[in-house]
């Protein structure tokens, strides 16, 4: 990726060493860059964890963007429409987001179970349908419509807002960014998922089903049920990512605020389809995103070109895990492989 990127930079008339040096410097040493990194990484950590959950069920959740949008809508409407104490308001909103995301994830899961159509195809179709379904559902209920309009005009209630670091430190940290305490929520959710799936009976059955669904069925585990359950849990986490983004960054009803979609999938692959790996991958991508934003100010390269260089690096990092997931390489660690593909070898 560095060689290919360097060639592109040379064609554009810049020095590759200078450009990559600026990206790395602004990523890890730049003033305030870590706050931008936190802001960018927060939703990516959760969407990567959502993709990991689906991978562990032997599925590919291509509907992350739609589930994220459902969570964002639910958070804005509940953030304005519900009147609750601050300590209770945010957990209730995240719970509502999780329910909404689970319902959205059922669309590709049900089509897969009923007709055998790949969840990859139906997930991408769901991404196109969900915005229209949201408008239809919200428009059909006056209370939801009023809450949406209120959140769009006035913003969500104070009790529903995740504190931004610039507010907590009286402007000393996080100036000109919207980095917020949602990063701790994201890390907490990922750690709970990692521990739960490691020590619980449910997590054990997920692992067995992914490794060999036929053996799982023989042992009394309903393998098809765990595919469905994995998709539902994945949708819930992806929707919570949208909720955290609204509560901490935008604080109003806002659609299309951040591109998550396939980024969460790629970051999950970079993290070797593990929750902790997804957490670290999200932080890495957020840091690189912050570095490109600031490095673009000091070079003649257009910002989209610098973004392409970073995306190329991320994709190359994910290639080994992509190969393992698709082919089921027997030399790789089988616990990190996708069950559907391994079981068909």
C-alpha atoms as a PDB file:
ATOM      1  CA  UNK A   1       0.000   0.000   0.000  1.00  0.00           C
ATOM      2  CA  UNK A   2       2.884   2.355   0.772  1.00  0.00           C
ATOM      3  CA  UNK A   3       4.573   1.609  -2.575  1.00  0.00           C
ATOM      4  CA  UNK A   4       1.343   2.109  -4.546  1.00  0.00           C
ATOM      5  CA  UNK A   5       0.525   5.234  -2.566  1.00  0.00           C
ATOM      6  CA  UNK A   6       4.001   6.647  -3.102  1.00  0.00           C
ATOM      7  CA  UNK A   7       3.653   6.245  -6.851  1.00  0.00           C
ATOM      8  CA  UNK A   8       0.371   8.147  -6.788  1.00  0.00           C
ATOM      9  CA  UNK A   9       1.927  10.910  -4.677  1.00  0.00           C
ATOM     10  CA  UNK A  10       4.876  11.207  -7.066  1.00  0.00           C
ATOM     11  CA  UNK A  11       2.514  11.504 -10.034  1.00  0.00           C
ATOM     12  CA  UNK A  12       0.691  14.262  -8.165  1.00  0.00           C
ATOM     13  CA  UNK A  13       3.993  16.134  -7.748  1.00  0.00           C
ATOM     14  CA  UNK A  14       4.577  15.713  -4.008  1.00  0.00           C
ATOM     15  CA  UNK A  15       7.255  14.022  -1.920  1.00  0.00           C
ATOM     16  CA  UNK A  16       5.934  10.673  -0.562  1.00  0.00           C
ATOM     17  CA  UNK A  17       8.208  10.806   2.495  1.00  0.00           C
ATOM     18  CA  UNK A  18       6.911  14.257   3.376  1.00  0.00           C
ATOM     19  CA  UNK A  19       3.254  13.299   2.869  1.00  0.00           C
ATOM     20  CA  UNK A  20       3.417  10.061   4.879  1.00  0.00           C
ATOM     21  CA  UNK A  21       5.503  11.822   7.516  1.00  0.00           C
ATOM     22  CA  UNK A  22       2.845  14.520   7.876  1.00  0.00           C
ATOM     23  CA  UNK A  23       0.077  11.935   8.182  1.00  0.00           C
ATOM     24  CA  UNK A  24       1.947  10.017  10.893  1.00  0.00           C
ATOM     25  CA  UNK A  25       3.023  13.168  12.728  1.00  0.00           C
ATOM     26  CA  UNK A  26      -0.454  14.670  12.782  1.00  0.00           C
ATOM     27  CA  UNK A  27      -1.966  11.299  13.674  1.00  0.00           C
ATOM     28  CA  UNK A  28       0.133  10.589  16.735  1.00  0.00           C
ATOM     29  CA  UNK A  29       1.881  13.846  17.688  1.00  0.00           C
ATOM     30  CA  UNK A  30      -0.303  16.629  16.298  1.00  0.00           C
ATOM     31  CA  UNK A  31      -1.892  19.127  18.673  1.00  0.00           C
ATOM     32  CA  UNK A  32      -5.502  18.134  19.296  1.00  0.00           C
ATOM     33  CA  UNK A  33      -5.302  15.333  16.755  1.00  0.00           C
ATOM     34  CA  UNK A  34      -6.112  12.726  19.364  1.00  0.00           C
ATOM     35  CA  UNK A  35      -9.434  14.450  20.092  1.00  0.00           C
ATOM     36  CA  UNK A  36     -10.408  14.302  16.415  1.00  0.00           C
ATOM     37  CA  UNK A  37      -9.299  10.670  16.438  1.00  0.00           C
ATOM     38  CA  UNK A  38     -11.586   9.927  19.389  1.00  0.00           C
ATOM     39  CA  UNK A  39     -14.531  11.595  17.682  1.00  0.00           C
ATOM     40  CA  UNK A  40     -13.991   9.661  14.451  1.00  0.00           C
ATOM     41  CA  UNK A  41     -13.207   6.366  16.173  1.00  0.00           C
ATOM     42  CA  UNK A  42     -16.228   6.186  18.495  1.00  0.00           C
ATOM     43  CA  UNK A  43     -18.872   5.076  15.950  1.00  0.00           C
ATOM     44  CA  UNK A  44     -16.338   2.940  14.084  1.00  0.00           C
ATOM     45  CA  UNK A  45     -15.489   0.937  17.217  1.00  0.00           C
ATOM     46  CA  UNK A  46     -19.129  -0.026  17.664  1.00  0.00           C
ATOM     47  CA  UNK A  47     -19.838  -0.766  14.002  1.00  0.00           C
ATOM     48  CA  UNK A  48     -16.692  -2.912  13.866  1.00  0.00           C
ATOM     49  CA  UNK A  49     -17.907  -4.773  16.967  1.00  0.00           C
ATOM     50  CA  UNK A  50     -21.282  -5.225  15.251  1.00  0.00           C
ATOM     51  CA  UNK A  51     -19.585  -6.678  12.170  1.00  0.00           C
ATOM     52  CA  UNK A  52     -17.515  -8.957  14.420  1.00  0.00           C
ATOM     53  CA  UNK A  53     -20.686 -10.250  16.071  1.00  0.00           C
ATOM     54  CA  UNK A  54     -22.106 -11.170  12.662  1.00  0.00           C
ATOM     55  CA  UNK A  55     -18.822 -12.772  11.574  1.00  0.00           C
ATOM     56  CA  UNK A  56     -18.879 -14.924  14.682  1.00  0.00           C
ATOM     57  CA  UNK A  57     -22.321 -16.164  13.670  1.00  0.00           C
ATOM     58  CA  UNK A  58     -20.981 -17.063  10.209  1.00  0.00           C
ATOM     59  CA  UNK A  59     -22.730 -14.076   8.590  1.00  0.00           C
ATOM     60  CA  UNK A  60     -21.720 -10.891   6.796  1.00  0.00           C
ATOM     61  CA  UNK A  61     -23.804  -7.949   7.957  1.00  0.00           C
ATOM     62  CA  UNK A  62     -23.898  -5.600   4.973  1.00  0.00           C
ATOM     63  CA  UNK A  63     -26.805  -3.701   6.527  1.00  0.00           C
ATOM     64  CA  UNK A  64     -24.700  -1.808   9.074  1.00  0.00           C
ATOM     65  CA  UNK A  65     -25.389   1.573   7.486  1.00  0.00           C
ATOM     66  CA  UNK A  66     -29.150   1.108   7.654  1.00  0.00           C
ATOM     67  CA  UNK A  67     -29.027  -0.140  11.245  1.00  0.00           C
ATOM     68  CA  UNK A  68     -26.816   2.810  12.158  1.00  0.00           C
ATOM     69  CA  UNK A  69     -29.445   5.164  10.655  1.00  0.00           C
ATOM     70  CA  UNK A  70     -32.200   3.475  12.674  1.00  0.00           C
ATOM     71  CA  UNK A  71     -30.204   3.984  15.869  1.00  0.00           C
ATOM     72  CA  UNK A  72     -29.561   7.635  15.029  1.00  0.00           C
ATOM     73  CA  UNK A  73     -33.284   8.261  14.436  1.00  0.00           C
ATOM     74  CA  UNK A  74     -34.330   6.427  17.602  1.00  0.00           C
ATOM     75  CA  UNK A  75     -31.789   8.365  19.679  1.00  0.00           C
ATOM     76  CA  UNK A  76     -32.938  11.758  18.402  1.00  0.00           C
ATOM     77  CA  UNK A  77     -36.644  10.993  18.845  1.00  0.00           C
ATOM     78  CA  UNK A  78     -36.225   9.427  22.299  1.00  0.00           C
ATOM     79  CA  UNK A  79     -33.745  12.133  23.303  1.00  0.00           C
ATOM     80  CA  UNK A  80     -36.379  14.778  22.698  1.00  0.00           C
ATOM     81  CA  UNK A  81     -39.611  12.889  23.338  1.00  0.00           C
ATOM     82  CA  UNK A  82     -38.764  11.227  26.663  1.00  0.00           C
ATOM     83  CA  UNK A  83     -38.380  13.171  29.907  1.00  0.00           C
ATOM     84  CA  UNK A  84     -36.158  11.165  32.241  1.00  0.00           C
ATOM     85  CA  UNK A  85     -33.325  11.827  34.724  1.00  0.00           C
ATOM     86  CA  UNK A  86     -29.873  12.028  33.102  1.00  0.00           C
ATOM     87  CA  UNK A  87     -28.622   8.820  34.700  1.00  0.00           C
ATOM     88  CA  UNK A  88     -31.578   6.930  33.272  1.00  0.00           C
ATOM     89  CA  UNK A  89     -32.265   8.770  30.024  1.00  0.00           C
ATOM     90  CA  UNK A  90     -29.141   7.719  28.128  1.00  0.00           C
ATOM     91  CA  UNK A  91     -29.336   3.972  29.010  1.00  0.00           C
ATOM     92  CA  UNK A  92     -33.017   3.910  28.020  1.00  0.00           C
ATOM     93  CA  UNK A  93     -32.197   5.576  24.701  1.00  0.00           C
ATOM     94  CA  UNK A  94     -29.430   3.066  23.970  1.00  0.00           C
ATOM     95  CA  UNK A  95     -31.835   0.228  24.802  1.00  0.00           C
ATOM     96  CA  UNK A  96     -34.401   1.661  22.376  1.00  0.00           C
ATOM     97  CA  UNK A  97     -31.679   2.001  19.738  1.00  0.00           C
ATOM     98  CA  UNK A  98     -30.722  -1.640  20.265  1.00  0.00           C
ATOM     99  CA  UNK A  99     -34.307  -2.793  19.783  1.00  0.00           C
ATOM    100  CA  UNK A 100     -34.659  -0.698  16.628  1.00  0.00           C
ATOM    101  CA  UNK A 101     -31.385  -2.012  15.210  1.00  0.00           C
ATOM    102  CA  UNK A 102     -32.413  -5.596  15.961  1.00  0.00           C
ATOM    103  CA  UNK A 103     -35.642  -5.125  14.019  1.00  0.00           C
ATOM    104  CA  UNK A 104     -33.699  -3.633  11.094  1.00  0.00           C
ATOM    105  CA  UNK A 105     -31.265  -6.586  11.115  1.00  0.00           C
ATOM    106  CA  UNK A 106     -34.186  -9.000  10.924  1.00  0.00           C
ATOM    107  CA  UNK A 107     -34.848  -7.917   7.319  1.00  0.00           C
ATOM    108  CA  UNK A 108     -31.790  -9.661   5.785  1.00  0.00           C
ATOM    109  CA  UNK A 109     -31.887 -12.448   8.394  1.00  0.00           C
ATOM    110  CA  UNK A 110     -35.514 -13.362   7.649  1.00  0.00           C
ATOM    111  CA  UNK A 111     -34.951 -13.300   3.882  1.00  0.00           C
ATOM    112  CA  UNK A 112     -31.935 -15.574   4.328  1.00  0.00           C
ATOM    113  CA  UNK A 113     -33.859 -18.057   6.453  1.00  0.00           C
ATOM    114  CA  UNK A 114     -37.042 -18.027   4.356  1.00  0.00           C
ATOM    115  CA  UNK A 115     -35.686 -17.936   0.825  1.00  0.00           C
ATOM    116  CA  UNK A 116     -31.961 -18.673   1.069  1.00  0.00           C
ATOM    117  CA  UNK A 117     -31.035 -15.307  -0.457  1.00  0.00           C
ATOM    118  CA  UNK A 118     -27.611 -14.226   0.814  1.00  0.00           C
ATOM    119  CA  UNK A 119     -27.647 -11.730   3.671  1.00  0.00           C
ATOM    120  CA  UNK A 120     -25.022  -9.769   1.735  1.00  0.00           C
ATOM    121  CA  UNK A 121     -27.520  -8.944  -1.005  1.00  0.00           C
ATOM    122  CA  UNK A 122     -30.515  -8.373   1.269  1.00  0.00           C
ATOM    123  CA  UNK A 123     -28.384  -6.296   3.649  1.00  0.00           C
ATOM    124  CA  UNK A 124     -27.429  -3.902   0.862  1.00  0.00           C
ATOM    125  CA  UNK A 125     -31.062  -3.717  -0.259  1.00  0.00           C
ATOM    126  CA  UNK A 126     -32.115  -3.020   3.342  1.00  0.00           C
ATOM    127  CA  UNK A 127     -29.730  -0.044   3.438  1.00  0.00           C
ATOM    128  CA  UNK A 128     -31.719   1.473   0.579  1.00  0.00           C
ATOM    129  CA  UNK A 129     -35.130   0.657   2.054  1.00  0.00           C
ATOM    130  CA  UNK A 130     -34.608   1.671   5.672  1.00  0.00           C
ATOM    131  CA  UNK A 131     -34.572   5.491   5.179  1.00  0.00           C
ATOM    132  CA  UNK A 132     -37.949   5.250   3.422  1.00  0.00           C
ATOM    133  CA  UNK A 133     -39.316   2.898   6.084  1.00  0.00           C
ATOM    134  CA  UNK A 134     -38.180   5.301   8.800  1.00  0.00           C
ATOM    135  CA  UNK A 135     -39.979   8.210   7.162  1.00  0.00           C
ATOM    136  CA  UNK A 136     -43.116   6.111   6.747  1.00  0.00           C
ATOM    137  CA  UNK A 137     -43.157   4.863  10.360  1.00  0.00           C
ATOM    138  CA  UNK A 138     -42.392   8.275  11.866  1.00  0.00           C
ATOM    139  CA  UNK A 139     -44.955   9.967   9.640  1.00  0.00           C
ATOM    140  CA  UNK A 140     -47.661   7.460  10.622  1.00  0.00           C
ATOM    141  CA  UNK A 141     -47.548   8.360  14.342  1.00  0.00           C
ATOM    142  CA  UNK A 142     -48.160  11.973  15.402  1.00  0.00           C
ATOM    143  CA  UNK A 143     -46.130  11.594  18.610  1.00  0.00           C
ATOM    144  CA  UNK A 144     -43.064  10.352  16.715  1.00  0.00           C
ATOM    145  CA  UNK A 145     -43.485  13.040  14.097  1.00  0.00           C
ATOM    146  CA  UNK A 146     -43.694  15.756  16.757  1.00  0.00           C
ATOM    147  CA  UNK A 147     -40.607  14.396  18.552  1.00  0.00           C
ATOM    148  CA  UNK A 148     -38.656  14.272  15.286  1.00  0.00           C
ATOM    149  CA  UNK A 149     -39.584  17.851  14.445  1.00  0.00           C
ATOM    150  CA  UNK A 150     -38.717  18.989  17.956  1.00  0.00           C
ATOM    151  CA  UNK A 151     -35.352  17.239  17.851  1.00  0.00           C
ATOM    152  CA  UNK A 152     -34.632  18.792  14.442  1.00  0.00           C
ATOM    153  CA  UNK A 153     -35.415  22.336  15.600  1.00  0.00           C
ATOM    154  CA  UNK A 154     -34.549  22.442  19.306  1.00  0.00           C
ATOM    155  CA  UNK A 155     -32.193  19.493  19.666  1.00  0.00           C
ATOM    156  CA  UNK A 156     -32.370  16.694  22.214  1.00  0.00           C
ATOM    157  CA  UNK A 157     -32.805  17.321  25.939  1.00  0.00           C
ATOM    158  CA  UNK A 158     -29.833  18.081  28.174  1.00  0.00           C
ATOM    159  CA  UNK A 159     -30.440  14.846  30.087  1.00  0.00           C
ATOM    160  CA  UNK A 160     -29.899  12.859  26.882  1.00  0.00           C
ATOM    161  CA  UNK A 161     -26.605  14.470  25.860  1.00  0.00           C
ATOM    162  CA  UNK A 162     -23.246  12.781  26.217  1.00  0.00           C
ATOM    163  CA  UNK A 163     -20.796  15.367  27.555  1.00  0.00           C
ATOM    164  CA  UNK A 164     -18.167  16.686  25.165  1.00  0.00           C
ATOM    165  CA  UNK A 165     -14.606  17.018  26.477  1.00  0.00           C
ATOM    166  CA  UNK A 166     -14.499  20.711  25.611  1.00  0.00           C
ATOM    167  CA  UNK A 167     -17.435  21.216  27.996  1.00  0.00           C
ATOM    168  CA  UNK A 168     -15.972  19.094  30.773  1.00  0.00           C
ATOM    169  CA  UNK A 169     -12.620  20.933  30.729  1.00  0.00           C
ATOM    170  CA  UNK A 170     -13.881  24.485  30.133  1.00  0.00           C
ATOM    171  CA  UNK A 171     -12.260  24.613  26.723  1.00  0.00           C
ATOM    172  CA  UNK A 172      -8.836  23.282  27.713  1.00  0.00           C
ATOM    173  CA  UNK A 173      -9.212  19.955  25.854  1.00  0.00           C
ATOM    174  CA  UNK A 174     -11.055  19.193  22.664  1.00  0.00           C
ATOM    175  CA  UNK A 175     -11.360  22.703  21.232  1.00  0.00           C
ATOM    176  CA  UNK A 176     -12.835  22.713  17.699  1.00  0.00           C
ATOM    177  CA  UNK A 177     -13.849  19.056  18.027  1.00  0.00           C
ATOM    178  CA  UNK A 178     -16.945  17.213  19.173  1.00  0.00           C
ATOM    179  CA  UNK A 179     -15.105  14.398  20.939  1.00  0.00           C
ATOM    180  CA  UNK A 180     -17.263  13.194  23.787  1.00  0.00           C
ATOM    181  CA  UNK A 181     -17.691  10.621  26.517  1.00  0.00           C
ATOM    182  CA  UNK A 182     -19.339   8.315  24.015  1.00  0.00           C
ATOM    183  CA  UNK A 183     -15.867   6.810  23.567  1.00  0.00           C
ATOM    184  CA  UNK A 184     -16.198   5.306  27.062  1.00  0.00           C
ATOM    185  CA  UNK A 185     -19.654   3.966  26.205  1.00  0.00           C
ATOM    186  CA  UNK A 186     -18.249   2.344  23.064  1.00  0.00           C
ATOM    187  CA  UNK A 187     -15.313   0.791  24.908  1.00  0.00           C
ATOM    188  CA  UNK A 188     -17.647  -0.435  27.661  1.00  0.00           C
ATOM    189  CA  UNK A 189     -20.021  -2.108  25.197  1.00  0.00           C
ATOM    190  CA  UNK A 190     -17.134  -3.822  23.391  1.00  0.00           C
ATOM    191  CA  UNK A 191     -15.604  -5.099  26.642  1.00  0.00           C
ATOM    192  CA  UNK A 192     -18.963  -6.432  27.858  1.00  0.00           C
ATOM    193  CA  UNK A 193     -19.456  -8.246  24.534  1.00  0.00           C
ATOM    194  CA  UNK A 194     -15.932  -9.682  24.636  1.00  0.00           C
ATOM    195  CA  UNK A 195     -16.286 -10.990  28.188  1.00  0.00           C
ATOM    196  CA  UNK A 196     -19.839 -12.241  27.696  1.00  0.00           C
ATOM    197  CA  UNK A 197     -18.985 -14.156  24.539  1.00  0.00           C
ATOM    198  CA  UNK A 198     -15.887 -15.630  26.153  1.00  0.00           C
ATOM    199  CA  UNK A 199     -17.371 -16.958  29.399  1.00  0.00           C
ATOM    200  CA  UNK A 200     -21.067 -17.548  28.680  1.00  0.00           C
ATOM    201  CA  UNK A 201     -22.822 -20.644  27.376  1.00  0.00           C
ATOM    202  CA  UNK A 202     -24.179 -18.532  24.518  1.00  0.00           C
ATOM    203  CA  UNK A 203     -20.675 -17.522  23.460  1.00  0.00           C
ATOM    204  CA  UNK A 204     -19.521 -21.150  23.539  1.00  0.00           C
ATOM    205  CA  UNK A 205     -22.437 -22.219  21.343  1.00  0.00           C
ATOM    206  CA  UNK A 206     -21.668 -19.379  18.929  1.00  0.00           C
ATOM    207  CA  UNK A 207     -18.078 -20.623  18.594  1.00  0.00           C
ATOM    208  CA  UNK A 208     -19.099 -24.249  18.068  1.00  0.00           C
ATOM    209  CA  UNK A 209     -21.727 -23.285  15.511  1.00  0.00           C
ATOM    210  CA  UNK A 210     -19.258 -21.163  13.571  1.00  0.00           C
ATOM    211  CA  UNK A 211     -16.558 -23.825  13.540  1.00  0.00           C
ATOM    212  CA  UNK A 212     -18.817 -26.652  12.385  1.00  0.00           C
ATOM    213  CA  UNK A 213     -22.585 -26.150  12.114  1.00  0.00           C
ATOM    214  CA  UNK A 214     -23.147 -29.840  11.319  1.00  0.00           C
ATOM    215  CA  UNK A 215     -21.360 -30.942  14.481  1.00  0.00           C
ATOM    216  CA  UNK A 216     -23.295 -28.296  16.448  1.00  0.00           C
ATOM    217  CA  UNK A 217     -26.596 -29.696  15.167  1.00  0.00           C
ATOM    218  CA  UNK A 218     -25.471 -33.205  16.103  1.00  0.00           C
ATOM    219  CA  UNK A 219     -24.690 -31.970  19.608  1.00  0.00           C
ATOM    220  CA  UNK A 220     -28.144 -30.473  20.061  1.00  0.00           C
ATOM    221  CA  UNK A 221     -27.333 -26.849  19.156  1.00  0.00           C
ATOM    222  CA  UNK A 222     -29.720 -25.259  16.682  1.00  0.00           C
ATOM    223  CA  UNK A 223     -27.176 -23.759  14.294  1.00  0.00           C
ATOM    224  CA  UNK A 224     -29.685 -21.817  12.191  1.00  0.00           C
ATOM    225  CA  UNK A 225     -30.964 -20.105  15.323  1.00  0.00           C
ATOM    226  CA  UNK A 226     -27.494 -18.744  16.063  1.00  0.00           C
ATOM    227  CA  UNK A 227     -27.145 -17.241  12.618  1.00  0.00           C
ATOM    228  CA  UNK A 228     -30.383 -15.328  13.232  1.00  0.00           C
ATOM    229  CA  UNK A 229     -29.390 -14.379  16.780  1.00  0.00           C
ATOM    230  CA  UNK A 230     -25.954 -13.179  15.640  1.00  0.00           C
ATOM    231  CA  UNK A 231     -27.518 -10.904  13.020  1.00  0.00           C
ATOM    232  CA  UNK A 232     -29.968  -9.470  15.566  1.00  0.00           C
ATOM    233  CA  UNK A 233     -27.214  -8.737  18.095  1.00  0.00           C
ATOM    234  CA  UNK A 234     -25.077  -7.227  15.348  1.00  0.00           C
ATOM    235  CA  UNK A 235     -27.926  -4.897  14.361  1.00  0.00           C
ATOM    236  CA  UNK A 236     -28.423  -3.842  17.974  1.00  0.00           C
ATOM    237  CA  UNK A 237     -24.769  -2.844  18.401  1.00  0.00           C
ATOM    238  CA  UNK A 238     -24.697  -1.018  15.042  1.00  0.00           C
ATOM    239  CA  UNK A 239     -27.788   0.971  16.058  1.00  0.00           C
ATOM    240  CA  UNK A 240     -26.165   1.872  19.376  1.00  0.00           C
ATOM    241  CA  UNK A 241     -23.297   3.324  17.338  1.00  0.00           C
ATOM    242  CA  UNK A 242     -25.784   5.626  15.613  1.00  0.00           C
ATOM    243  CA  UNK A 243     -27.308   6.526  18.958  1.00  0.00           C
ATOM    244  CA  UNK A 244     -23.966   7.428  20.514  1.00  0.00           C
ATOM    245  CA  UNK A 245     -23.113   9.585  17.490  1.00  0.00           C
ATOM    246  CA  UNK A 246     -26.335  11.576  17.839  1.00  0.00           C
ATOM    247  CA  UNK A 247     -26.201  11.913  21.640  1.00  0.00           C
ATOM    248  CA  UNK A 248     -22.564  12.975  21.741  1.00  0.00           C
ATOM    249  CA  UNK A 249     -21.781  14.785  18.482  1.00  0.00           C
ATOM    250  CA  UNK A 250     -24.849  16.177  16.726  1.00  0.00           C
ATOM    251  CA  UNK A 251     -27.476  16.321  19.494  1.00  0.00           C
ATOM    252  CA  UNK A 252     -30.244  16.797  16.961  1.00  0.00           C
ATOM    253  CA  UNK A 253     -32.201  14.762  14.426  1.00  0.00           C
ATOM    254  CA  UNK A 254     -29.727  14.282  11.631  1.00  0.00           C
ATOM    255  CA  UNK A 255     -29.364  11.619   8.980  1.00  0.00           C
ATOM    256  CA  UNK A 256     -26.262  10.732   6.966  1.00  0.00           C
ATOM    257  CA  UNK A 257     -23.905  12.200   9.558  1.00  0.00           C
ATOM    258  CA  UNK A 258     -21.050   9.746   9.198  1.00  0.00           C
ATOM    259  CA  UNK A 259     -20.139   7.008   6.756  1.00  0.00           C
ATOM    260  CA  UNK A 260     -19.886   3.715   8.561  1.00  0.00           C
ATOM    261  CA  UNK A 261     -21.131   0.931   6.299  1.00  0.00           C
ATOM    262  CA  UNK A 262     -18.275  -1.085   4.933  1.00  0.00           C
ATOM    263  CA  UNK A 263     -15.719   0.613   7.166  1.00  0.00           C
ATOM    264  CA  UNK A 264     -17.001  -1.366  10.131  1.00  0.00           C
ATOM    265  CA  UNK A 265     -16.636  -4.588   8.161  1.00  0.00           C
ATOM    266  CA  UNK A 266     -13.080  -3.791   7.099  1.00  0.00           C
ATOM    267  CA  UNK A 267     -12.051  -2.733  10.606  1.00  0.00           C
ATOM    268  CA  UNK A 268     -13.484  -5.987  11.993  1.00  0.00           C
ATOM    269  CA  UNK A 269     -11.324  -7.886   9.509  1.00  0.00           C
ATOM    270  CA  UNK A 270      -8.271  -5.856  10.519  1.00  0.00           C
ATOM    271  CA  UNK A 271      -9.028  -6.827  14.115  1.00  0.00           C
ATOM    272  CA  UNK A 272      -9.017 -10.525  13.143  1.00  0.00           C
ATOM    273  CA  UNK A 273     -12.755 -10.744  13.869  1.00  0.00           C
ATOM    274  CA  UNK A 274     -12.263 -10.243  17.599  1.00  0.00           C
ATOM    275  CA  UNK A 275     -13.870  -7.614  19.808  1.00  0.00           C
ATOM    276  CA  UNK A 276     -10.632  -6.254  21.228  1.00  0.00           C
ATOM    277  CA  UNK A 277      -9.118  -6.236  17.743  1.00  0.00           C
ATOM    278  CA  UNK A 278     -12.120  -4.275  16.485  1.00  0.00           C
ATOM    279  CA  UNK A 279     -11.641  -1.779  19.310  1.00  0.00           C
ATOM    280  CA  UNK A 280      -7.979  -1.257  18.420  1.00  0.00           C
ATOM    281  CA  UNK A 281      -8.753  -1.159  14.696  1.00  0.00           C
ATOM    282  CA  UNK A 282     -11.376   1.527  15.240  1.00  0.00           C
ATOM    283  CA  UNK A 283      -8.922   3.628  17.221  1.00  0.00           C
ATOM    284  CA  UNK A 284      -6.281   3.184  14.487  1.00  0.00           C
ATOM    285  CA  UNK A 285      -8.671   4.200  11.732  1.00  0.00           C
ATOM    286  CA  UNK A 286      -9.869   7.211  13.738  1.00  0.00           C
ATOM    287  CA  UNK A 287      -6.270   8.288  14.311  1.00  0.00           C
ATOM    288  CA  UNK A 288      -5.374   7.968  10.634  1.00  0.00           C
ATOM    289  CA  UNK A 289      -8.534   9.839   9.691  1.00  0.00           C
ATOM    290  CA  UNK A 290      -7.505  12.678  11.994  1.00  0.00           C
ATOM    291  CA  UNK A 291      -3.983  12.652  10.557  1.00  0.00           C
ATOM    292  CA  UNK A 292      -5.198  12.964   6.969  1.00  0.00           C
ATOM    293  CA  UNK A 293      -7.524  15.808   7.911  1.00  0.00           C
ATOM    294  CA  UNK A 294      -4.655  17.898   9.279  1.00  0.00           C
ATOM    295  CA  UNK A 295      -2.027  16.749   6.781  1.00  0.00           C
ATOM    296  CA  UNK A 296      -4.213  17.982   3.909  1.00  0.00           C
ATOM    297  CA  UNK A 297      -3.677  21.536   5.164  1.00  0.00           C
ATOM    298  CA  UNK A 298       0.099  21.354   4.559  1.00  0.00           C
ATOM    299  CA  UNK A 299       0.292  19.708   1.108  1.00  0.00           C
ATOM    300  CA  UNK A 300      -1.006  20.428  -2.375  1.00  0.00           C
ATOM    301  CA  UNK A 301      -2.683  17.010  -2.526  1.00  0.00           C
ATOM    302  CA  UNK A 302      -6.488  17.105  -2.556  1.00  0.00           C
ATOM    303  CA  UNK A 303      -8.135  15.663   0.558  1.00  0.00           C
ATOM    304  CA  UNK A 304      -9.882  12.830  -1.344  1.00  0.00           C
ATOM    305  CA  UNK A 305      -6.511  11.602  -2.621  1.00  0.00           C
ATOM    306  CA  UNK A 306      -5.064  11.491   0.908  1.00  0.00           C
ATOM    307  CA  UNK A 307      -8.182   9.629   2.048  1.00  0.00           C
ATOM    308  CA  UNK A 308      -7.592   7.078  -0.705  1.00  0.00           C
ATOM    309  CA  UNK A 309      -4.055   6.488   0.579  1.00  0.00           C
ATOM    310  CA  UNK A 310      -5.381   5.726   4.061  1.00  0.00           C
ATOM    311  CA  UNK A 311      -8.215   3.540   2.745  1.00  0.00           C
ATOM    312  CA  UNK A 312      -5.680   1.610   0.672  1.00  0.00           C
ATOM    313  CA  UNK A 313      -3.575   1.000   3.775  1.00  0.00           C
ATOM    314  CA  UNK A 314      -6.605  -0.185   5.751  1.00  0.00           C
ATOM    315  CA  UNK A 315      -7.731  -2.559   2.989  1.00  0.00           C
ATOM    316  CA  UNK A 316      -4.249  -4.050   2.676  1.00  0.00           C
ATOM    317  CA  UNK A 317      -4.165  -4.602   6.430  1.00  0.00           C
ATOM    318  CA  UNK A 318      -7.466  -6.474   6.171  1.00  0.00           C
ATOM    319  CA  UNK A 319      -6.437  -8.727   3.264  1.00  0.00           C
ATOM    320  CA  UNK A 320      -5.055 -11.650   5.354  1.00  0.00           C
ATOM    321  CA  UNK A 321      -8.236 -11.855   7.400  1.00  0.00           C
ATOM    322  CA  UNK A 322     -10.377 -11.530   4.259  1.00  0.00           C
ATOM    323  CA  UNK A 323      -8.547 -14.496   2.744  1.00  0.00           C
ATOM    324  CA  UNK A 324      -8.946 -16.581   5.894  1.00  0.00           C
ATOM    325  CA  UNK A 325     -12.655 -15.802   6.160  1.00  0.00           C
ATOM    326  CA  UNK A 326     -13.406 -16.683   2.539  1.00  0.00           C
ATOM    327  CA  UNK A 327     -11.147 -19.698   2.018  1.00  0.00           C
ATOM    328  CA  UNK A 328     -10.924 -21.204   5.483  1.00  0.00           C
ATOM    329  CA  UNK A 329      -7.133 -21.548   5.348  1.00  0.00           C
ATOM    330  CA  UNK A 330      -6.350 -24.590   7.538  1.00  0.00           C
ATOM    331  CA  UNK A 331      -3.012 -23.070   8.533  1.00  0.00           C
ATOM    332  CA  UNK A 332      -4.684 -20.085  10.199  1.00  0.00           C
ATOM    333  CA  UNK A 333      -6.280 -20.031  13.621  1.00  0.00           C
ATOM    334  CA  UNK A 334      -9.633 -21.713  13.066  1.00  0.00           C
ATOM    335  CA  UNK A 335     -11.328 -19.822  15.886  1.00  0.00           C
ATOM    336  CA  UNK A 336     -11.002 -16.671  13.776  1.00  0.00           C
ATOM    337  CA  UNK A 337     -12.585 -18.076  10.638  1.00  0.00           C
ATOM    338  CA  UNK A 338     -16.103 -17.660   9.266  1.00  0.00           C
ATOM    339  CA  UNK A 339     -18.125 -20.788   9.924  1.00  0.00           C
ATOM    340  CA  UNK A 340     -20.183 -20.907   6.741  1.00  0.00           C
ATOM    341  CA  UNK A 341     -17.147 -20.961   4.483  1.00  0.00           C
ATOM    342  CA  UNK A 342     -15.046 -23.305   6.622  1.00  0.00           C
ATOM    343  CA  UNK A 343     -17.854 -25.859   6.939  1.00  0.00           C
ATOM    344  CA  UNK A 344     -18.194 -26.149   3.155  1.00  0.00           C
ATOM    345  CA  UNK A 345     -14.587 -27.233   2.542  1.00  0.00           C
END
